[in-house]
Amino acid sequence: MDNDEKIKTLQNYEYKLQQILTQKQQMQGNLMELNNAISELEKNNEAYEIVGPIMIKKSSSEITKGLTEKKSLVDIKLKSIDKQEKMIQEKAQELQHEVLNEMQKTNANKKGRDNVQTSK
């Protein structure tokens, strides 16, 4: 893979990271909402759950159970997103080092040739 291809790959990694960070922010927002809802339910014995266009009266413990399950799923998704983020960051750093090393070698070779031509 030449430097141009590596740079394009780096740009793709950057794009993927932006997408992952957006997903991560959404999941963190969902998690905060769930935590707030669970803490509010602890203060009340009864609450209402919205199901489609209607509200159904339920006990707080029933709703809390459902929210806790959703929270577990969001936690799992966040862990998966974190792993993806870490993996892409590592690949991007590795590729960036390769590109920089090749650029430095190219510059050093170019300077060497320039010095040879200048001394003639």
N, C-alpha and C. Protein backbone atom coordinates (compact mmCIF):
# COMPACT_ATOMS: atom_id res chain seq x y z
N MET A 1 0.85 -1.17 0.00
CA MET A 1 0.00 0.00 0.00
C MET A 1 0.90 1.24 0.00
N ASP A 2 0.66 2.15 -0.94
CA ASP A 2 1.49 3.36 -0.97
C ASP A 2 0.93 4.41 -0.02
N ASN A 3 1.65 5.50 0.10
CA ASN A 3 1.29 6.54 1.07
C ASN A 3 -0.09 7.13 0.80
N ASP A 4 -0.44 7.35 -0.47
CA ASP A 4 -1.75 7.91 -0.79
C ASP A 4 -2.87 7.00 -0.31
N GLU A 5 -2.70 5.71 -0.53
CA GLU A 5 -3.71 4.74 -0.07
C GLU A 5 -3.78 4.72 1.45
N LYS A 6 -2.64 4.82 2.09
CA LYS A 6 -2.62 4.83 3.56
C LYS A 6 -3.31 6.08 4.10
N ILE A 7 -3.09 7.20 3.44
CA ILE A 7 -3.72 8.45 3.88
C ILE A 7 -5.24 8.35 3.71
N LYS A 8 -5.69 7.75 2.60
CA LYS A 8 -7.14 7.55 2.41
C LYS A 8 -7.70 6.63 3.49
N THR A 9 -6.95 5.60 3.82
CA THR A 9 -7.38 4.68 4.87
C THR A 9 -7.46 5.41 6.21
N LEU A 10 -6.49 6.27 6.47
CA LEU A 10 -6.53 7.09 7.70
C LEU A 10 -7.77 7.97 7.73
N GLN A 11 -8.10 8.55 6.59
CA GLN A 11 -9.31 9.38 6.52
C GLN A 11 -10.56 8.55 6.79
N ASN A 12 -10.58 7.32 6.27
CA ASN A 12 -11.71 6.43 6.55
C ASN A 12 -11.80 6.10 8.03
N TYR A 13 -10.65 5.86 8.66
CA TYR A 13 -10.64 5.61 10.11
C TYR A 13 -11.19 6.82 10.86
N GLU A 14 -10.80 8.01 10.44
CA GLU A 14 -11.29 9.23 11.10
C GLU A 14 -12.80 9.34 10.97
N TYR A 15 -13.31 9.04 9.79
CA TYR A 15 -14.76 9.07 9.57
C TYR A 15 -15.47 8.05 10.45
N LYS A 16 -14.93 6.83 10.52
CA LYS A 16 -15.52 5.79 11.36
C LYS A 16 -15.50 6.20 12.83
N LEU A 17 -14.40 6.82 13.25
CA LEU A 17 -14.31 7.28 14.65
C LEU A 17 -15.37 8.33 14.94
N GLN A 18 -15.61 9.23 14.01
CA GLN A 18 -16.65 10.24 14.21
C GLN A 18 -18.02 9.59 14.36
N GLN A 19 -18.29 8.58 13.52
CA GLN A 19 -19.56 7.87 13.62
C GLN A 19 -19.69 7.15 14.97
N ILE A 20 -18.62 6.52 15.39
CA ILE A 20 -18.63 5.80 16.66
C ILE A 20 -18.84 6.76 17.82
N LEU A 21 -18.17 7.91 17.78
CA LEU A 21 -18.34 8.89 18.85
C LEU A 21 -19.76 9.43 18.91
N THR A 22 -20.39 9.59 17.75
CA THR A 22 -21.79 10.03 17.72
C THR A 22 -22.69 8.97 18.37
N GLN A 23 -22.46 7.70 18.02
CA GLN A 23 -23.22 6.61 18.64
C GLN A 23 -23.00 6.58 20.14
N LYS A 24 -21.75 6.77 20.53
CA LYS A 24 -21.40 6.74 21.94
C LYS A 24 -22.13 7.84 22.71
N GLN A 25 -22.16 9.04 22.14
CA GLN A 25 -22.87 10.15 22.79
C GLN A 25 -24.35 9.85 22.93
N GLN A 26 -24.95 9.26 21.89
CA GLN A 26 -26.37 8.90 21.95
C GLN A 26 -26.62 7.87 23.05
N MET A 27 -25.76 6.86 23.13
CA MET A 27 -25.91 5.82 24.14
C MET A 27 -25.73 6.41 25.55
N GLN A 28 -24.76 7.31 25.71
CA GLN A 28 -24.55 7.94 27.01
C GLN A 28 -25.75 8.80 27.40
N GLY A 29 -26.34 9.46 26.42
CA GLY A 29 -27.56 10.24 26.68
C GLY A 29 -28.70 9.33 27.11
N ASN A 30 -28.85 8.21 26.41
CA ASN A 30 -29.88 7.23 26.79
C ASN A 30 -29.65 6.71 28.20
N LEU A 31 -28.41 6.44 28.53
CA LEU A 31 -28.07 5.93 29.85
C LEU A 31 -28.43 6.95 30.93
N MET A 32 -28.13 8.21 30.68
CA MET A 32 -28.47 9.26 31.66
C MET A 32 -29.98 9.35 31.84
N GLU A 33 -30.73 9.28 30.73
CA GLU A 33 -32.19 9.33 30.83
C GLU A 33 -32.73 8.15 31.63
N LEU A 34 -32.19 6.97 31.38
CA LEU A 34 -32.63 5.78 32.11
C LEU A 34 -32.31 5.91 33.59
N ASN A 35 -31.10 6.37 33.91
CA ASN A 35 -30.72 6.54 35.31
C ASN A 35 -31.64 7.55 36.01
N ASN A 36 -31.95 8.65 35.32
CA ASN A 36 -32.84 9.66 35.90
C ASN A 36 -34.24 9.09 36.12
N ALA A 37 -34.74 8.35 35.13
CA ALA A 37 -36.07 7.75 35.26
C ALA A 37 -36.11 6.76 36.42
N ILE A 38 -35.08 5.93 36.54
CA ILE A 38 -35.02 4.94 37.62
C ILE A 38 -34.99 5.63 38.98
N SER A 39 -34.20 6.70 39.09
CA SER A 39 -34.12 7.40 40.38
C SER A 39 -35.44 8.09 40.72
N GLU A 40 -36.16 8.58 39.72
CA GLU A 40 -37.48 9.19 39.97
C GLU A 40 -38.50 8.14 40.39
N LEU A 41 -38.39 6.96 39.81
CA LEU A 41 -39.33 5.89 40.15
C LEU A 41 -39.13 5.40 41.57
N GLU A 42 -37.94 5.54 42.10
CA GLU A 42 -37.67 5.12 43.48
C GLU A 42 -38.46 5.97 44.47
N LYS A 43 -38.86 7.16 44.05
CA LYS A 43 -39.58 8.09 44.93
C LYS A 43 -41.09 7.84 44.92
N ASN A 44 -41.58 7.07 43.95
CA ASN A 44 -43.02 6.87 43.80
C ASN A 44 -43.37 5.38 43.81
N ASN A 45 -44.59 5.09 44.29
CA ASN A 45 -45.06 3.71 44.29
C ASN A 45 -45.71 3.33 42.96
N GLU A 46 -46.38 4.30 42.34
CA GLU A 46 -47.05 4.04 41.08
C GLU A 46 -46.58 5.05 40.05
N ALA A 47 -46.65 4.63 38.81
CA ALA A 47 -46.27 5.51 37.72
C ALA A 47 -47.03 5.08 36.48
N TYR A 48 -46.83 5.80 35.42
CA TYR A 48 -47.48 5.49 34.15
C TYR A 48 -46.43 5.19 33.10
N GLU A 49 -46.73 4.18 32.30
CA GLU A 49 -45.85 3.84 31.20
C GLU A 49 -46.59 4.17 29.91
N ILE A 50 -45.89 4.82 29.01
CA ILE A 50 -46.50 5.17 27.72
C ILE A 50 -46.30 4.00 26.77
N VAL A 51 -47.42 3.51 26.27
CA VAL A 51 -47.41 2.41 25.31
C VAL A 51 -48.20 2.89 24.10
N GLY A 52 -47.47 3.22 23.06
CA GLY A 52 -48.13 3.78 21.87
C GLY A 52 -48.80 5.09 22.24
N PRO A 53 -50.07 5.23 21.91
CA PRO A 53 -50.75 6.51 22.19
C PRO A 53 -51.42 6.57 23.57
N ILE A 54 -51.25 5.53 24.41
CA ILE A 54 -51.92 5.53 25.71
C ILE A 54 -50.91 5.41 26.86
N MET A 55 -51.39 5.80 28.05
CA MET A 55 -50.59 5.66 29.27
C MET A 55 -51.23 4.58 30.13
N ILE A 56 -50.40 3.67 30.61
CA ILE A 56 -50.88 2.57 31.44
C ILE A 56 -50.31 2.73 32.84
N LYS A 57 -51.19 2.63 33.84
CA LYS A 57 -50.75 2.74 35.22
C LYS A 57 -50.11 1.42 35.64
N LYS A 58 -48.88 1.53 36.19
CA LYS A 58 -48.15 0.34 36.64
C LYS A 58 -47.45 0.67 37.95
N SER A 59 -47.00 -0.37 38.61
CA SER A 59 -46.20 -0.12 39.82
C SER A 59 -44.81 0.33 39.40
N SER A 60 -44.20 1.12 40.25
CA SER A 60 -42.85 1.61 39.95
C SER A 60 -41.88 0.47 39.76
N SER A 61 -42.06 -0.60 40.53
CA SER A 61 -41.12 -1.71 40.45
C SER A 61 -41.19 -2.40 39.08
N GLU A 62 -42.40 -2.48 38.51
CA GLU A 62 -42.53 -3.07 37.17
C GLU A 62 -41.79 -2.23 36.13
N ILE A 63 -42.02 -0.95 36.20
CA ILE A 63 -41.38 -0.04 35.23
C ILE A 63 -39.87 -0.02 35.46
N THR A 64 -39.46 -0.01 36.73
CA THR A 64 -38.03 0.00 37.05
C THR A 64 -37.35 -1.25 36.49
N LYS A 65 -38.03 -2.38 36.59
CA LYS A 65 -37.47 -3.62 36.06
C LYS A 65 -37.20 -3.50 34.56
N GLY A 66 -38.18 -2.99 33.84
CA GLY A 66 -38.02 -2.81 32.40
C GLY A 66 -36.90 -1.83 32.06
N LEU A 67 -36.84 -0.74 32.81
CA LEU A 67 -35.80 0.26 32.57
C LEU A 67 -34.41 -0.27 32.90
N THR A 68 -34.34 -1.09 33.93
CA THR A 68 -33.06 -1.69 34.32
C THR A 68 -32.55 -2.64 33.23
N GLU A 69 -33.48 -3.37 32.62
CA GLU A 69 -33.10 -4.24 31.51
C GLU A 69 -32.60 -3.43 30.32
N LYS A 70 -33.30 -2.33 30.02
CA LYS A 70 -32.85 -1.44 28.94
C LYS A 70 -31.48 -0.86 29.25
N LYS A 71 -31.28 -0.52 30.52
CA LYS A 71 -30.00 0.04 30.94
C LYS A 71 -28.87 -0.98 30.73
N SER A 72 -29.15 -2.24 31.03
CA SER A 72 -28.15 -3.29 30.82
C SER A 72 -27.77 -3.40 29.35
N LEU A 73 -28.77 -3.33 28.48
CA LEU A 73 -28.51 -3.39 27.05
C LEU A 73 -27.68 -2.19 26.58
N VAL A 74 -28.01 -1.02 27.08
CA VAL A 74 -27.25 0.18 26.72
C VAL A 74 -25.81 0.06 27.21
N ASP A 75 -25.62 -0.48 28.41
CA ASP A 75 -24.27 -0.69 28.93
C ASP A 75 -23.46 -1.63 28.03
N ILE A 76 -24.10 -2.70 27.57
CA ILE A 76 -23.44 -3.65 26.68
C ILE A 76 -23.06 -2.96 25.36
N LYS A 77 -24.00 -2.18 24.82
CA LYS A 77 -23.72 -1.47 23.57
C LYS A 77 -22.56 -0.48 23.75
N LEU A 78 -22.54 0.21 24.89
CA LEU A 78 -21.46 1.16 25.16
C LEU A 78 -20.11 0.46 25.24
N LYS A 79 -20.07 -0.70 25.86
CA LYS A 79 -18.82 -1.46 25.94
C LYS A 79 -18.35 -1.87 24.55
N SER A 80 -19.30 -2.28 23.71
CA SER A 80 -18.97 -2.67 22.35
C SER A 80 -18.45 -1.47 21.56
N ILE A 81 -19.09 -0.34 21.73
CA ILE A 81 -18.66 0.89 21.05
C ILE A 81 -17.26 1.28 21.52
N ASP A 82 -17.00 1.16 22.81
CA ASP A 82 -15.67 1.48 23.35
C ASP A 82 -14.60 0.59 22.73
N LYS A 83 -14.92 -0.70 22.58
CA LYS A 83 -13.96 -1.63 21.96
C LYS A 83 -13.69 -1.24 20.52
N GLN A 84 -14.76 -0.92 19.77
CA GLN A 84 -14.59 -0.51 18.37
C GLN A 84 -13.74 0.76 18.28
N GLU A 85 -14.04 1.70 19.16
CA GLU A 85 -13.30 2.96 19.16
C GLU A 85 -11.81 2.72 19.42
N LYS A 86 -11.53 1.91 20.41
CA LYS A 86 -10.14 1.62 20.77
C LYS A 86 -9.41 0.92 19.62
N MET A 87 -10.09 -0.05 18.99
CA MET A 87 -9.48 -0.81 17.90
C MET A 87 -9.16 0.11 16.72
N ILE A 88 -10.09 0.97 16.35
CA ILE A 88 -9.87 1.87 15.22
C ILE A 88 -8.79 2.89 15.55
N GLN A 89 -8.78 3.39 16.78
CA GLN A 89 -7.73 4.34 17.18
C GLN A 89 -6.35 3.70 17.09
N GLU A 90 -6.25 2.45 17.54
CA GLU A 90 -4.96 1.76 17.48
C GLU A 90 -4.51 1.56 16.03
N LYS A 91 -5.43 1.12 15.18
CA LYS A 91 -5.10 0.93 13.77
C LYS A 91 -4.69 2.25 13.13
N ALA A 92 -5.40 3.32 13.45
CA ALA A 92 -5.10 4.63 12.87
C ALA A 92 -3.73 5.12 13.33
N GLN A 93 -3.42 4.94 14.60
CA GLN A 93 -2.11 5.37 15.11
C GLN A 93 -0.99 4.59 14.44
N GLU A 94 -1.18 3.30 14.29
CA GLU A 94 -0.17 2.45 13.66
C GLU A 94 0.06 2.90 12.21
N LEU A 95 -1.02 3.12 11.50
CA LEU A 95 -0.92 3.54 10.11
C LEU A 95 -0.32 4.95 10.00
N GLN A 96 -0.67 5.81 10.93
CA GLN A 96 -0.12 7.16 10.93
C GLN A 96 1.40 7.13 11.14
N HIS A 97 1.87 6.27 12.02
CA HIS A 97 3.31 6.13 12.24
C HIS A 97 4.00 5.64 10.98
N GLU A 98 3.37 4.67 10.30
CA GLU A 98 3.94 4.16 9.06
C GLU A 98 4.06 5.28 8.02
N VAL A 99 3.00 6.05 7.87
CA VAL A 99 3.01 7.14 6.88
C VAL A 99 4.07 8.16 7.23
N LEU A 100 4.16 8.54 8.49
CA LEU A 100 5.15 9.53 8.91
C LEU A 100 6.57 9.01 8.69
N ASN A 101 6.81 7.74 9.02
CA ASN A 101 8.14 7.16 8.80
C ASN A 101 8.50 7.16 7.32
N GLU A 102 7.55 6.78 6.48
CA GLU A 102 7.82 6.76 5.04
C GLU A 102 8.06 8.17 4.51
N MET A 103 7.33 9.14 5.03
CA MET A 103 7.51 10.52 4.60
C MET A 103 8.90 11.03 5.02
N GLN A 104 9.32 10.66 6.23
CA GLN A 104 10.64 11.07 6.70
C GLN A 104 11.73 10.43 5.86
N LYS A 105 11.55 9.15 5.51
CA LYS A 105 12.54 8.47 4.65
C LYS A 105 12.60 9.13 3.28
N THR A 106 11.45 9.45 2.74
CA THR A 106 11.38 10.10 1.42
C THR A 106 12.07 11.46 1.47
N ASN A 107 11.81 12.22 2.52
CA ASN A 107 12.45 13.53 2.67
C ASN A 107 13.96 13.40 2.83
N ALA A 108 14.39 12.40 3.59
CA ALA A 108 15.83 12.19 3.81
C ALA A 108 16.50 11.80 2.49
N ASN A 109 15.87 10.92 1.73
CA ASN A 109 16.42 10.51 0.42
C ASN A 109 16.47 11.69 -0.54
N LYS A 110 15.43 12.50 -0.50
CA LYS A 110 15.37 13.67 -1.38
C LYS A 110 16.47 14.67 -1.03
N LYS A 111 16.70 14.88 0.26
CA LYS A 111 17.76 15.79 0.69
C LYS A 111 19.13 15.25 0.29
N GLY A 112 19.28 13.95 0.40
CA GLY A 112 20.55 13.31 0.01
C GLY A 112 20.82 13.51 -1.47
N ARG A 113 19.80 13.35 -2.29
CA ARG A 113 19.97 13.55 -3.74
C ARG A 113 20.24 15.01 -4.05
N ASP A 114 19.55 15.91 -3.34
CA ASP A 114 19.77 17.35 -3.55
C ASP A 114 21.20 17.73 -3.21
N ASN A 115 21.74 17.16 -2.12
CA ASN A 115 23.12 17.44 -1.72
C ASN A 115 24.11 16.92 -2.76
N VAL A 116 23.83 15.76 -3.33
CA VAL A 116 24.72 15.20 -4.36
C VAL A 116 24.71 16.07 -5.60
N GLN A 117 23.53 16.53 -5.99
CA GLN A 117 23.43 17.38 -7.18
C GLN A 117 24.07 18.73 -6.96
N THR A 118 23.96 19.28 -5.77
CA THR A 118 24.53 20.58 -5.45
C THR A 118 26.06 20.52 -5.44
N SER A 119 26.61 19.40 -5.02
CA SER A 119 28.08 19.29 -4.93
C SER A 119 28.73 19.08 -6.28
N LYS A 120 27.95 18.73 -7.30
CA LYS A 120 28.53 18.51 -8.63
C LYS A 120 28.90 19.75 -9.31
